């Protein structure tokens, strides 16, 4: 499976490419295929991370230089999933692909 992530290493470089859907298309398609996510991926223009909506799921990407953030997000979502009485994102899957972390959540 080819993810074909861009060769960037800083938040500044990410900021310049974050909203360029062509840059992320191959990687997002590979994640969708790997996890059976159905629907047309939609790039969200919010926050400082790359976020995609696919069907009723959200994919959040973490570059290799942000991998500590990925591990924190994965742990927190995992701890909270199914335990809150208020609607909140729930962890579906968290993984690392070619050095890039990602979480899929509700």
Foldseek 3Di string as FASTA:
>chain_A
DDQQADPDDDLVVCVVCLPPCVRRVSNVVVVCVVVVFAADWDWDPDDSWTWIDTPPKIKTKAALNRVVVLVVVVVVLDVPAPPDPDDDWHWDDWDADPSMIMTIID
